[in-house]
N, C-alpha and C. Protein backbone atom coordinates (compact mmCIF):
# COMPACT_ATOMS: atom_id res chain seq x y z
N MET A 1 9.69 -4.43 -15.86
CA MET A 1 9.08 -5.79 -15.13
C MET A 1 8.32 -6.57 -16.02
N ASP A 2 7.49 -5.80 -16.73
CA ASP A 2 6.55 -6.31 -17.76
C ASP A 2 7.03 -7.30 -18.65
N ASN A 3 8.31 -7.17 -18.92
CA ASN A 3 8.96 -8.02 -19.91
C ASN A 3 9.49 -9.40 -19.37
N GLN A 4 9.58 -9.52 -18.18
CA GLN A 4 9.82 -10.57 -17.27
C GLN A 4 8.92 -11.65 -17.40
N PRO A 5 9.15 -12.88 -17.37
CA PRO A 5 8.31 -14.07 -17.14
C PRO A 5 7.41 -14.08 -15.84
N LEU A 6 5.96 -14.39 -15.98
CA LEU A 6 5.09 -14.33 -14.87
C LEU A 6 5.51 -14.57 -13.70
N GLU A 7 6.38 -15.77 -13.49
CA GLU A 7 7.06 -16.31 -12.40
C GLU A 7 7.80 -15.38 -11.76
N THR A 8 8.80 -14.64 -12.52
CA THR A 8 9.68 -13.66 -11.75
C THR A 8 9.03 -12.18 -11.66
N GLN A 9 8.08 -11.94 -12.13
CA GLN A 9 7.06 -10.72 -11.90
C GLN A 9 6.66 -11.08 -10.54
N ALA A 10 6.12 -12.27 -10.21
CA ALA A 10 5.26 -12.60 -8.84
C ALA A 10 6.47 -12.66 -7.68
N ILE A 11 7.81 -13.04 -7.97
CA ILE A 11 8.75 -12.87 -7.11
C ILE A 11 9.30 -11.80 -6.82
N ASP A 12 9.26 -10.69 -7.71
CA ASP A 12 9.45 -9.45 -7.40
C ASP A 12 8.62 -8.65 -6.83
N LEU A 13 7.15 -8.96 -6.97
CA LEU A 13 6.24 -8.19 -6.17
C LEU A 13 6.41 -8.60 -4.76
N GLU A 14 6.60 -9.99 -4.61
CA GLU A 14 6.52 -10.40 -3.18
C GLU A 14 7.58 -9.60 -2.41
N LYS A 15 8.55 -9.65 -3.13
CA LYS A 15 9.96 -9.17 -2.48
C LYS A 15 9.67 -7.67 -2.40
N THR A 16 9.25 -6.88 -3.11
CA THR A 16 8.59 -5.38 -3.07
C THR A 16 7.56 -5.38 -1.84
N LYS A 17 6.75 -6.20 -1.88
CA LYS A 17 5.79 -5.85 -0.68
C LYS A 17 6.30 -6.43 0.72
N LEU A 18 7.16 -7.41 0.76
CA LEU A 18 7.72 -7.43 2.08
C LEU A 18 8.89 -6.27 2.49
N ALA A 19 9.45 -5.76 1.28
CA ALA A 19 10.34 -4.41 1.38
C ALA A 19 9.55 -3.35 2.21
N VAL A 20 8.38 -3.20 1.51
CA VAL A 20 7.40 -1.87 2.16
C VAL A 20 7.23 -2.12 3.57
N ILE A 21 6.84 -3.56 3.88
CA ILE A 21 6.50 -3.85 5.26
C ILE A 21 7.69 -3.65 6.22
N ASP A 22 8.77 -3.94 5.73
CA ASP A 22 9.91 -3.78 6.55
C ASP A 22 10.35 -2.32 6.47
N ALA A 23 10.29 -1.60 5.55
CA ALA A 23 10.32 -0.09 5.77
C ALA A 23 9.35 0.66 6.90
N ILE A 24 8.05 0.11 6.86
CA ILE A 24 7.12 0.55 7.42
C ILE A 24 7.44 0.51 8.96
N GLU A 25 7.87 -1.01 9.24
CA GLU A 25 8.35 -1.30 10.55
C GLU A 25 9.28 -0.70 11.07
N ASP A 26 10.60 -0.34 10.31
CA ASP A 26 11.70 0.23 10.62
C ASP A 26 11.45 1.57 11.38
N ILE A 27 10.30 2.30 11.02
CA ILE A 27 9.98 3.64 11.60
C ILE A 27 8.94 3.55 12.76
N LYS A 28 8.56 2.37 13.14
CA LYS A 28 7.57 1.92 14.08
C LYS A 28 6.37 2.22 13.67
N GLY A 29 6.15 2.02 12.21
CA GLY A 29 4.74 2.08 11.74
C GLY A 29 4.06 0.82 12.27
N PHE A 30 2.38 0.81 12.68
CA PHE A 30 1.87 -0.25 13.31
C PHE A 30 0.37 -0.48 12.50
N ASP A 31 -0.01 -1.64 13.23
CA ASP A 31 -1.31 -2.07 12.60
C ASP A 31 -1.17 -2.29 10.82
N ILE A 32 -0.25 -2.72 10.16
CA ILE A 32 -0.17 -2.94 8.94
C ILE A 32 -1.21 -4.11 8.35
N SER A 33 -1.73 -3.60 7.51
CA SER A 33 -2.74 -4.37 6.73
C SER A 33 -2.41 -4.51 5.21
N VAL A 34 -2.34 -5.48 4.58
CA VAL A 34 -2.14 -5.86 3.23
C VAL A 34 -3.39 -6.47 2.64
N MET A 35 -3.73 -5.92 1.69
CA MET A 35 -4.84 -6.31 0.74
C MET A 35 -4.42 -6.64 -0.68
N ASP A 36 -4.87 -7.91 -0.99
CA ASP A 36 -4.50 -8.21 -2.45
C ASP A 36 -5.52 -7.68 -3.13
N VAL A 37 -5.69 -6.77 -3.95
CA VAL A 37 -6.77 -6.25 -4.82
C VAL A 37 -6.74 -6.45 -6.33
N ARG A 38 -5.75 -7.44 -6.40
CA ARG A 38 -5.81 -7.79 -8.15
C ARG A 38 -7.08 -7.97 -8.75
N ALA A 39 -7.89 -8.87 -8.11
CA ALA A 39 -9.28 -9.23 -8.58
C ALA A 39 -10.27 -7.89 -8.52
N LEU A 40 -9.69 -6.85 -8.04
CA LEU A 40 -10.92 -5.95 -7.69
C LEU A 40 -10.57 -4.61 -8.74
N THR A 41 -9.17 -4.46 -9.23
CA THR A 41 -8.62 -3.08 -9.90
C THR A 41 -7.65 -3.68 -10.55
N SER A 42 -7.48 -2.77 -11.82
CA SER A 42 -6.06 -2.83 -12.39
C SER A 42 -5.05 -1.77 -12.05
N LEU A 43 -5.50 -1.24 -11.16
CA LEU A 43 -4.60 0.21 -10.49
C LEU A 43 -3.42 -0.60 -9.88
N ALA A 44 -3.63 -1.51 -8.96
CA ALA A 44 -2.40 -2.11 -8.21
C ALA A 44 -2.74 -3.51 -8.15
N SER A 45 -1.72 -3.92 -7.40
CA SER A 45 -1.71 -5.58 -7.08
C SER A 45 -2.00 -5.58 -5.51
N TYR A 46 -1.44 -4.78 -4.82
CA TYR A 46 -1.52 -4.55 -3.61
C TYR A 46 -1.84 -3.21 -2.98
N MET A 47 -2.77 -3.18 -1.69
CA MET A 47 -2.70 -1.92 -0.95
C MET A 47 -2.24 -2.15 0.21
N ILE A 48 -1.22 -1.37 0.74
CA ILE A 48 -0.78 -1.75 2.20
C ILE A 48 -1.47 -0.31 2.92
N VAL A 49 -1.85 -0.74 4.04
CA VAL A 49 -2.10 0.51 4.85
C VAL A 49 -1.45 0.34 6.37
N ALA A 50 -1.14 1.49 6.83
CA ALA A 50 -0.58 1.24 8.31
C ALA A 50 -0.61 2.55 9.03
N SER A 51 -0.59 2.50 10.16
CA SER A 51 -0.87 3.45 10.91
C SER A 51 0.46 3.98 11.65
N ALA A 52 0.37 5.46 12.08
CA ALA A 52 1.63 6.23 12.57
C ALA A 52 1.02 6.99 13.77
N SER A 53 1.92 7.05 14.69
CA SER A 53 1.45 8.01 15.86
C SER A 53 1.16 9.37 15.96
N SER A 54 2.02 10.10 14.78
CA SER A 54 1.70 11.40 14.63
C SER A 54 2.09 11.84 13.17
N SER A 55 1.80 13.01 12.80
CA SER A 55 2.07 13.58 11.33
C SER A 55 3.36 13.43 11.09
N ARG A 56 4.36 13.69 11.89
CA ARG A 56 5.90 13.46 11.52
C ARG A 56 6.27 11.90 11.29
N GLN A 57 5.48 11.32 11.85
CA GLN A 57 5.78 9.79 11.81
C GLN A 57 5.31 9.22 10.36
N THR A 58 4.14 9.79 10.07
CA THR A 58 3.61 9.28 8.76
C THR A 58 4.47 9.96 7.55
N LYS A 59 4.87 11.07 7.68
CA LYS A 59 6.02 11.47 6.69
C LYS A 59 7.24 10.76 6.85
N ALA A 60 7.79 10.35 7.89
CA ALA A 60 8.90 9.63 8.15
C ALA A 60 8.92 8.29 7.65
N ILE A 61 7.86 7.62 7.93
CA ILE A 61 7.71 6.39 7.29
C ILE A 61 7.29 6.29 5.77
N ALA A 62 6.55 7.31 5.28
CA ALA A 62 6.45 7.34 3.76
C ALA A 62 8.15 7.46 3.10
N SER A 63 8.74 8.42 3.40
CA SER A 63 10.10 8.76 3.31
C SER A 63 11.04 7.41 3.27
N ASN A 64 10.74 6.68 4.19
CA ASN A 64 11.57 5.58 4.24
C ASN A 64 11.18 4.49 3.30
N VAL A 65 9.81 4.31 3.13
CA VAL A 65 9.29 3.33 2.16
C VAL A 65 10.14 3.82 0.65
N MET A 66 10.05 4.97 0.45
CA MET A 66 10.35 5.52 -0.84
C MET A 66 12.09 5.47 -1.04
N GLU A 67 12.59 5.84 0.20
CA GLU A 67 14.21 5.64 -0.07
C GLU A 67 14.66 3.89 -0.11
N LYS A 68 14.01 3.09 0.89
CA LYS A 68 14.37 1.63 0.51
C LYS A 68 13.97 1.02 -0.48
N LEU A 69 12.73 1.40 -0.97
CA LEU A 69 12.32 0.78 -2.54
C LEU A 69 13.16 1.48 -3.55
N LYS A 70 13.44 2.50 -3.52
CA LYS A 70 14.57 2.98 -4.70
C LYS A 70 15.76 2.29 -4.68
N GLU A 71 16.32 1.87 -3.48
CA GLU A 71 17.65 1.26 -3.34
C GLU A 71 17.39 -0.10 -4.52
N LEU A 72 16.25 -0.70 -3.99
CA LEU A 72 15.62 -1.96 -4.79
C LEU A 72 15.25 -1.69 -6.23
N GLY A 73 15.59 -0.33 -6.72
CA GLY A 73 15.17 -0.18 -8.09
C GLY A 73 13.69 0.02 -8.30
N VAL A 74 12.97 0.27 -7.29
CA VAL A 74 11.49 0.52 -7.53
C VAL A 74 11.14 2.06 -6.83
N PRO A 75 11.24 2.93 -7.88
CA PRO A 75 11.10 4.25 -7.58
C PRO A 75 9.69 4.56 -7.33
N ALA A 76 9.37 5.47 -6.17
CA ALA A 76 7.70 5.98 -6.09
C ALA A 76 7.55 6.69 -7.64
N ARG A 77 6.17 6.41 -7.98
CA ARG A 77 5.64 7.08 -8.96
C ARG A 77 4.92 8.38 -8.59
N GLY A 78 4.65 8.53 -7.21
CA GLY A 78 4.29 9.87 -6.87
C GLY A 78 3.74 9.59 -5.30
N THR A 79 3.67 10.69 -4.83
CA THR A 79 3.39 10.67 -3.15
C THR A 79 2.27 11.76 -3.20
N GLU A 80 1.25 11.70 -2.08
CA GLU A 80 0.21 12.73 -1.78
C GLU A 80 0.17 12.95 -0.39
N GLY A 81 -0.13 13.88 0.21
CA GLY A 81 -0.48 14.25 1.52
C GLY A 81 0.78 14.45 2.35
N GLU A 82 2.02 14.72 1.77
CA GLU A 82 3.08 14.74 2.66
C GLU A 82 3.02 16.08 3.34
N ARG A 83 2.38 17.20 2.88
CA ARG A 83 2.44 18.29 3.63
C ARG A 83 1.58 18.24 4.85
N GLU A 84 0.27 17.63 5.09
CA GLU A 84 -0.41 17.60 6.18
C GLU A 84 0.18 16.62 6.89
N GLY A 85 0.32 15.37 6.39
CA GLY A 85 0.86 14.29 7.14
C GLY A 85 -0.14 13.59 7.89
N GLU A 86 -1.61 13.59 7.58
CA GLU A 86 -2.67 12.81 8.38
C GLU A 86 -2.76 11.53 7.52
N TRP A 87 -2.60 11.68 6.26
CA TRP A 87 -2.65 10.71 5.23
C TRP A 87 -1.80 10.60 4.16
N VAL A 88 -0.63 9.78 4.26
CA VAL A 88 0.59 10.16 3.22
C VAL A 88 0.19 8.79 2.16
N LEU A 89 0.27 8.91 0.84
CA LEU A 89 -0.22 7.89 0.15
C LEU A 89 1.19 7.86 -0.74
N VAL A 90 1.87 6.65 -0.95
CA VAL A 90 3.07 6.32 -1.64
C VAL A 90 2.44 5.34 -2.83
N ASP A 91 2.61 5.89 -4.20
CA ASP A 91 2.26 5.06 -5.48
C ASP A 91 3.62 4.37 -5.81
N LEU A 92 3.76 3.17 -5.64
CA LEU A 92 4.77 2.35 -6.20
C LEU A 92 4.34 1.53 -7.46
N GLY A 93 3.42 1.97 -7.98
CA GLY A 93 2.90 1.21 -9.24
C GLY A 93 2.02 -0.08 -8.94
N ASP A 94 2.81 -1.16 -8.97
CA ASP A 94 1.99 -2.44 -8.12
C ASP A 94 1.76 -2.40 -6.84
N ILE A 95 2.13 -1.51 -6.30
CA ILE A 95 1.83 -1.42 -4.58
C ILE A 95 1.60 0.05 -4.33
N ILE A 96 0.45 0.23 -3.59
CA ILE A 96 -0.10 1.71 -3.06
C ILE A 96 -0.03 1.39 -1.40
N VAL A 97 0.66 2.39 -1.13
CA VAL A 97 0.88 2.43 0.41
C VAL A 97 0.20 3.54 1.04
N HIS A 98 -0.68 3.57 2.06
CA HIS A 98 -1.20 4.24 2.63
C HIS A 98 -1.11 4.41 4.33
N ILE A 99 -0.20 5.69 4.66
CA ILE A 99 0.31 5.67 6.21
C ILE A 99 -0.79 6.78 6.52
N MET A 100 -1.34 6.62 7.85
CA MET A 100 -2.40 7.20 8.14
C MET A 100 -2.54 7.31 9.56
N LEU A 101 -2.99 8.59 10.19
CA LEU A 101 -3.07 8.71 11.70
C LEU A 101 -4.30 7.71 12.08
N PRO A 102 -4.25 7.15 12.97
CA PRO A 102 -5.63 6.27 13.38
C PRO A 102 -6.95 6.88 13.38
N THR A 103 -7.00 8.04 13.77
CA THR A 103 -8.43 8.78 13.67
C THR A 103 -8.69 8.70 12.10
N THR A 104 -7.85 9.14 11.12
CA THR A 104 -8.22 9.33 9.70
C THR A 104 -8.43 7.83 9.31
N ARG A 105 -7.72 6.86 9.82
CA ARG A 105 -7.93 5.43 9.21
C ARG A 105 -8.87 4.95 9.50
N ALA A 106 -9.43 5.29 10.81
CA ALA A 106 -10.86 5.00 11.16
C ALA A 106 -11.91 5.38 10.49
N TYR A 107 -11.76 6.61 10.32
CA TYR A 107 -12.92 7.60 9.36
C TYR A 107 -13.05 6.94 8.13
N TYR A 108 -11.90 6.67 7.33
CA TYR A 108 -11.84 6.44 5.85
C TYR A 108 -12.18 4.87 5.79
N ASN A 109 -11.55 4.09 6.85
CA ASN A 109 -11.79 2.68 6.89
C ASN A 109 -11.65 1.82 5.44
N LEU A 110 -10.57 1.93 4.97
CA LEU A 110 -10.10 1.52 3.53
C LEU A 110 -10.14 -0.05 3.60
N GLU A 111 -9.83 -0.70 4.68
CA GLU A 111 -9.73 -2.29 4.50
C GLU A 111 -11.33 -2.62 4.51
N GLN A 112 -12.38 -1.82 5.15
CA GLN A 112 -13.87 -2.33 5.10
C GLN A 112 -14.33 -1.81 3.61
N LEU A 113 -13.96 -0.65 3.10
CA LEU A 113 -14.35 -0.51 1.78
C LEU A 113 -13.89 -1.44 0.73
N TRP A 114 -12.53 -1.70 0.90
CA TRP A 114 -12.11 -2.48 -0.24
C TRP A 114 -12.62 -3.89 0.17
N GLY A 115 -12.66 -4.51 1.22
CA GLY A 115 -13.63 -5.68 1.51
C GLY A 115 -15.00 -5.78 1.05
N ALA A 116 -15.63 -4.51 1.38
CA ALA A 116 -17.03 -4.79 0.93
C ALA A 116 -17.01 -4.77 -0.44
N ALA A 117 -16.08 -4.07 -1.32
CA ALA A 117 -16.07 -3.90 -2.72
C ALA A 117 -15.83 -5.45 -3.20
N GLU A 118 -14.82 -6.28 -2.73
CA GLU A 118 -14.60 -7.48 -3.12
C GLU A 118 -15.82 -8.48 -2.64
N GLY A 119 -16.32 -8.17 -1.68
CA GLY A 119 -17.89 -9.10 -1.57
C GLY A 119 -18.92 -8.68 -2.41
N THR A 120 -18.96 -7.34 -2.96
CA THR A 120 -19.88 -6.95 -3.94
C THR A 120 -19.69 -7.73 -5.15
N ARG A 121 -18.18 -7.56 -5.54
CA ARG A 121 -17.85 -8.01 -6.72
C ARG A 121 -17.87 -9.65 -6.98
N SER A 122 -17.69 -10.38 -5.85
CA SER A 122 -17.95 -11.71 -6.01
C SER A 122 -19.34 -11.91 -5.88
N THR A 123 -20.07 -11.44 -5.25
CA THR A 123 -21.57 -11.67 -5.14
C THR A 123 -22.25 -11.58 -6.70
N SER A 124 -21.66 -10.21 -7.34
CA SER A 124 -22.60 -9.91 -8.53
C SER A 124 -21.49 -11.05 -9.37
N ALA A 125 -20.59 -11.39 -9.42
CA ALA A 125 -20.06 -12.31 -10.42
C ALA A 125 -20.77 -13.49 -10.40
N SER A 126 -21.32 -14.07 -9.13
CA SER A 126 -21.64 -15.20 -8.91
C SER A 126 -23.08 -15.63 -9.53
N LYS A 127 -23.71 -14.06 -9.78
CA LYS A 127 -25.04 -14.10 -10.34
C LYS A 127 -25.07 -14.16 -11.94
N ALA A 128 -23.69 -13.75 -12.35
CA ALA A 128 -23.73 -13.78 -13.69
C ALA A 128 -23.87 -15.01 -14.53
């Protein structure tokens, strides 16, 4: 993907992001949040956070995301948390997917964490 023109990379990234959301919705994942983190980190372009009703469902959603994206030629670079299932992370390179039980999601509150980091970064950047 790095050898492609930027315009093509952006289209592919958008297609990948939408495919992840579809894969989550296929298994009835809910409360999906998409965060553009390009200005905050070089780790990824997007973080997608979704909730599941049970640990079995978090595992099924993660599996579906990996399967659907592999069909599109985007293999997962790695996964974490599949054994316990409270929080399963799927690393797709430009997109990191977090599938969490609602209690785990409320505890870690990734959206607020990354939102606070974005606010801090823009505040410190404006002082420079």
